[in-house]
Amino acid sequence: MFLRHALLLSATLALAVPAAAQTWHVTGLFNTGVNAAGAPLSGYAVDPHYAIVGNAVFSTAYASRLGDGSPIDTAAWVPDTALSSWINPVIGTGFVDRAGVTDALRYETHFQVQAGFETQVRLQGRWAADDGGLRIWLNGVQVPGVPVAQADSWHSFSIASGFKAGDNVLAFDTLSTQSPTGLRVEVSAVPEPGTVSLWMAGALLVTLRLRRPA
């Protein structure tokens, strides 16, 4: 009976690890379209965490929300939640396309990994994009196995390696040959599965030792 309770205690404690890992190992990681507290920005506000890089026309990412017009209001894009909102290269979702210049956009965000935990962190997330999301990059290296993202549904991704101590750069490539265009990302940091197993084993060992008669 005691062993059963010990296992349940270890499992319960392990459930708290992902949130703790987010605090201990990774900072500065945000969903699209939120402020420093993680709350959704108002429509057309500048996203403080994501920027467009390497483009001759666009550089700032603006938030857009339900009520800001089509295609969000027509349900053609994944609808708003309390966790994130869409970002776009202009105020509003439409833009004037310049073939070969504005078609391809790269959105970047920076986050920090605590030294010593580079191999113990995994990013779990999902994304959507219009017309499509093509690639995800971590520190300049393309993340393998990422599905092409569309605007009307979520597409999951996982990143298990390639982290470094200090500043890390997460980038998302989108392609849109005609207006409108946008990006939506929800992402969080969790410990590698092996880290959780070791933590559970350690918690169980401590529990059993505490139970051992003097």
Protein backbone atom coordinates (compact mmCIF):
# COMPACT_ATOMS: atom_id res chain seq x y z
CA MET A 1 0.00 0.00 0.00
CA PHE A 2 2.80 2.38 0.91
CA LEU A 3 4.58 1.72 -2.38
CA ARG A 4 1.40 2.60 -4.24
CA HIS A 5 1.14 5.90 -2.35
CA ALA A 6 4.80 6.64 -3.02
CA LEU A 7 4.36 6.09 -6.73
CA LEU A 8 1.30 8.30 -6.77
CA LEU A 9 3.22 11.02 -4.93
CA SER A 10 6.12 10.82 -7.37
CA ALA A 11 3.79 11.00 -10.36
CA THR A 12 1.93 13.93 -8.86
CA LEU A 13 5.14 15.83 -8.21
CA ALA A 14 6.36 15.08 -11.72
CA LEU A 15 3.32 16.78 -13.20
CA ALA A 16 4.63 20.05 -11.82
CA VAL A 17 7.94 19.75 -13.65
CA PRO A 18 6.90 21.29 -17.00
CA ALA A 19 5.74 24.52 -15.37
CA ALA A 20 8.82 24.56 -13.17
CA ALA A 21 11.09 23.94 -16.14
CA GLN A 22 9.57 26.92 -17.90
CA THR A 23 10.57 29.04 -14.90
CA TRP A 24 13.96 27.50 -14.10
CA HIS A 25 15.41 26.79 -17.52
CA VAL A 26 13.70 29.00 -20.14
CA THR A 27 12.70 32.65 -20.01
CA GLY A 28 11.42 35.09 -22.59
CA LEU A 29 9.41 32.55 -24.58
CA PHE A 30 6.02 33.93 -25.67
CA ASN A 31 3.10 33.07 -27.93
CA THR A 32 2.30 35.43 -30.78
CA GLY A 33 0.22 38.50 -30.07
CA VAL A 34 0.64 38.73 -26.29
CA ASN A 35 2.14 41.24 -23.89
CA ALA A 36 4.81 40.70 -21.22
CA ALA A 37 2.20 39.17 -18.89
CA GLY A 38 1.08 36.69 -21.55
CA ALA A 39 -2.28 38.43 -22.11
CA PRO A 40 -3.49 39.03 -25.69
CA LEU A 41 -2.61 42.41 -27.18
CA SER A 42 -5.29 44.72 -28.47
CA GLY A 43 -5.86 44.72 -32.21
CA TYR A 44 -3.14 46.41 -34.27
CA ALA A 45 -0.73 46.68 -31.33
CA VAL A 46 2.95 45.99 -32.05
CA ASP A 47 4.02 42.53 -30.90
CA PRO A 48 6.96 43.12 -28.51
CA HIS A 49 8.34 39.59 -28.87
CA TYR A 50 8.18 38.81 -32.60
CA ALA A 51 9.71 40.73 -35.50
CA ILE A 52 10.02 40.23 -39.27
CA VAL A 53 13.64 39.95 -40.39
CA GLY A 54 15.48 40.00 -43.69
CA ASN A 55 12.67 41.66 -45.66
CA ALA A 56 13.05 44.88 -47.65
CA VAL A 57 9.50 46.04 -46.90
CA PHE A 58 8.31 44.63 -43.59
CA SER A 59 9.94 44.50 -40.14
CA THR A 60 7.25 45.01 -37.49
CA ALA A 61 4.69 42.39 -36.48
CA TYR A 62 1.24 43.70 -35.55
CA ALA A 63 -1.41 41.83 -33.59
CA SER A 64 -4.86 41.26 -35.05
CA ARG A 65 -7.89 39.93 -33.24
CA LEU A 66 -11.50 38.96 -33.70
CA GLY A 67 -13.31 42.11 -34.75
CA ASP A 68 -10.45 43.40 -36.90
CA GLY A 69 -12.04 42.11 -40.10
CA SER A 70 -11.68 39.27 -42.59
CA PRO A 71 -10.33 36.58 -42.59
CA ILE A 72 -10.39 36.32 -38.79
CA ASP A 73 -14.02 37.38 -38.56
CA THR A 74 -15.07 34.94 -41.28
CA ALA A 75 -13.52 31.95 -39.45
CA ALA A 76 -11.06 31.35 -42.29
CA TRP A 77 -8.27 31.61 -39.71
CA VAL A 78 -7.90 29.76 -36.43
CA PRO A 79 -10.07 31.72 -33.98
CA ASP A 80 -8.81 33.76 -31.04
CA THR A 81 -8.07 32.27 -27.64
CA ALA A 82 -6.93 33.77 -24.36
CA LEU A 83 -3.43 32.37 -25.06
CA SER A 84 -2.47 34.00 -28.35
CA SER A 85 -3.56 35.99 -31.38
CA TRP A 86 -2.50 36.43 -34.99
CA ILE A 87 0.35 38.68 -36.07
CA ASN A 88 0.71 40.33 -39.46
CA PRO A 89 3.28 42.47 -41.33
CA VAL A 90 0.93 45.47 -41.53
CA ILE A 91 -1.86 47.03 -39.47
CA GLY A 92 -4.77 44.87 -40.50
CA THR A 93 -4.54 41.55 -42.31
CA GLY A 94 -4.27 42.79 -45.90
CA PHE A 95 -1.13 44.00 -47.64
CA VAL A 96 0.05 45.13 -51.06
CA ASP A 97 2.06 42.26 -52.49
CA ARG A 98 5.34 42.75 -54.31
CA ALA A 99 6.19 39.49 -56.01
CA GLY A 100 9.49 38.08 -54.84
CA VAL A 101 9.81 40.69 -52.08
CA THR A 102 6.81 40.45 -49.78
CA ASP A 103 5.84 36.84 -50.60
CA ALA A 104 8.18 35.16 -48.12
CA LEU A 105 8.37 36.38 -44.53
CA ARG A 106 10.46 35.23 -41.58
CA TYR A 107 9.21 35.98 -38.08
CA GLU A 108 11.78 35.74 -35.28
CA THR A 109 11.52 35.60 -31.51
CA HIS A 110 14.27 35.34 -28.89
CA PHE A 111 14.29 33.39 -25.63
CA GLN A 112 16.92 32.43 -23.07
CA VAL A 113 18.02 29.02 -21.77
CA GLN A 114 19.77 28.74 -18.43
CA ALA A 115 23.34 27.46 -18.69
CA GLY A 116 23.62 23.76 -17.88
CA PHE A 117 20.11 22.90 -19.07
CA GLU A 118 20.61 23.08 -22.84
CA THR A 119 20.10 19.32 -23.28
CA GLN A 120 17.19 19.07 -20.84
CA VAL A 121 14.72 21.36 -22.58
CA ARG A 122 12.13 20.58 -25.23
CA LEU A 123 9.78 23.01 -26.96
CA GLN A 124 6.24 21.83 -27.65
CA GLY A 125 4.00 23.99 -29.78
CA ARG A 126 1.57 24.47 -32.59
CA TRP A 127 1.32 26.95 -35.42
CA ALA A 128 -0.92 28.21 -38.20
CA ALA A 129 -0.14 30.51 -41.13
CA ASP A 130 -1.60 32.11 -44.25
CA ASP A 131 -1.06 31.17 -47.06
CA GLY A 132 1.20 28.61 -45.47
CA GLY A 133 3.91 28.05 -42.88
CA LEU A 134 6.88 26.38 -44.53
CA ARG A 135 9.76 25.98 -42.06
CA ILE A 136 10.75 26.48 -38.43
CA TRP A 137 14.33 27.30 -37.45
CA LEU A 138 16.19 27.15 -34.13
CA ASN A 139 19.45 29.09 -33.98
CA GLY A 140 19.77 29.05 -37.75
CA VAL A 141 19.19 25.31 -38.15
CA GLN A 142 15.99 24.05 -39.77
CA VAL A 143 13.87 21.93 -37.44
CA PRO A 144 13.19 18.55 -39.13
CA GLY A 145 9.80 16.95 -39.46
CA VAL A 146 7.74 20.13 -39.14
CA PRO A 147 4.39 19.94 -40.99
CA VAL A 148 3.40 22.66 -43.42
CA ALA A 149 0.97 24.92 -41.59
CA GLN A 150 -2.32 26.28 -42.91
CA ALA A 151 -4.50 29.07 -41.54
CA ASP A 152 -7.69 27.22 -40.66
CA SER A 153 -6.23 24.59 -38.29
CA TRP A 154 -3.40 24.05 -35.84
CA HIS A 155 -0.29 22.03 -36.73
CA SER A 156 1.86 20.64 -33.90
CA PHE A 157 5.66 20.76 -33.70
CA SER A 158 8.31 19.63 -31.23
CA ILE A 159 11.95 20.72 -30.87
CA ALA A 160 14.20 18.47 -28.80
CA SER A 161 17.73 19.65 -29.58
CA GLY A 162 19.81 22.56 -30.82
CA PHE A 163 19.47 24.78 -27.74
CA LYS A 164 22.35 26.80 -26.35
CA ALA A 165 23.03 28.63 -23.11
CA GLY A 166 21.85 32.21 -23.17
CA ASP A 167 20.07 33.72 -26.16
CA ASN A 168 18.25 31.42 -28.61
CA VAL A 169 16.46 32.42 -31.82
CA LEU A 170 13.26 30.71 -32.96
CA ALA A 171 12.12 31.60 -36.50
CA PHE A 172 9.06 30.82 -38.62
CA ASP A 173 8.94 31.07 -42.43
CA THR A 174 5.64 31.87 -44.10
CA LEU A 175 4.69 32.28 -47.75
CA SER A 176 1.78 34.26 -49.16
CA THR A 177 1.59 35.24 -52.81
CA GLN A 178 -1.52 37.33 -52.28
CA SER A 179 -3.16 39.27 -49.45
CA PRO A 180 -3.88 38.50 -46.60
CA THR A 181 -1.07 36.91 -44.59
CA GLY A 182 -0.45 36.13 -40.94
CA LEU A 183 1.21 33.87 -38.36
CA ARG A 184 -0.06 32.28 -35.16
CA VAL A 185 2.19 30.42 -32.68
CA GLU A 186 1.61 28.87 -29.26
CA VAL A 187 4.75 27.35 -27.73
CA SER A 188 6.01 26.32 -24.29
CA ALA A 189 9.12 24.75 -22.77
CA VAL A 190 8.99 21.35 -21.06
CA PRO A 191 11.72 19.03 -19.74
CA GLU A 192 12.99 16.19 -21.86
CA PRO A 193 11.15 12.90 -21.07
CA GLY A 194 14.33 11.40 -19.63
CA THR A 195 14.61 14.30 -17.21
CA VAL A 196 11.09 13.65 -15.94
CA SER A 197 11.85 9.94 -15.44
CA LEU A 198 14.99 10.70 -13.44
CA TRP A 199 13.09 13.25 -11.36
CA MET A 200 10.34 10.72 -10.60
CA ALA A 201 12.86 8.06 -9.66
CA GLY A 202 14.62 10.49 -7.35
CA ALA A 203 11.36 11.54 -5.72
CA LEU A 204 10.40 7.91 -5.17
CA LEU A 205 13.80 7.10 -3.64
CA VAL A 206 13.54 10.04 -1.25
CA THR A 207 10.01 8.99 -0.26
CA LEU A 208 11.08 5.41 0.44
CA ARG A 209 14.06 6.50 2.51
CA LEU A 210 11.87 8.77 4.60
CA ARG A 211 9.60 5.78 5.25
CA ARG A 212 12.48 3.47 6.31
CA PRO A 213 12.57 2.84 10.09
CA ALA A 214 15.45 4.41 11.98
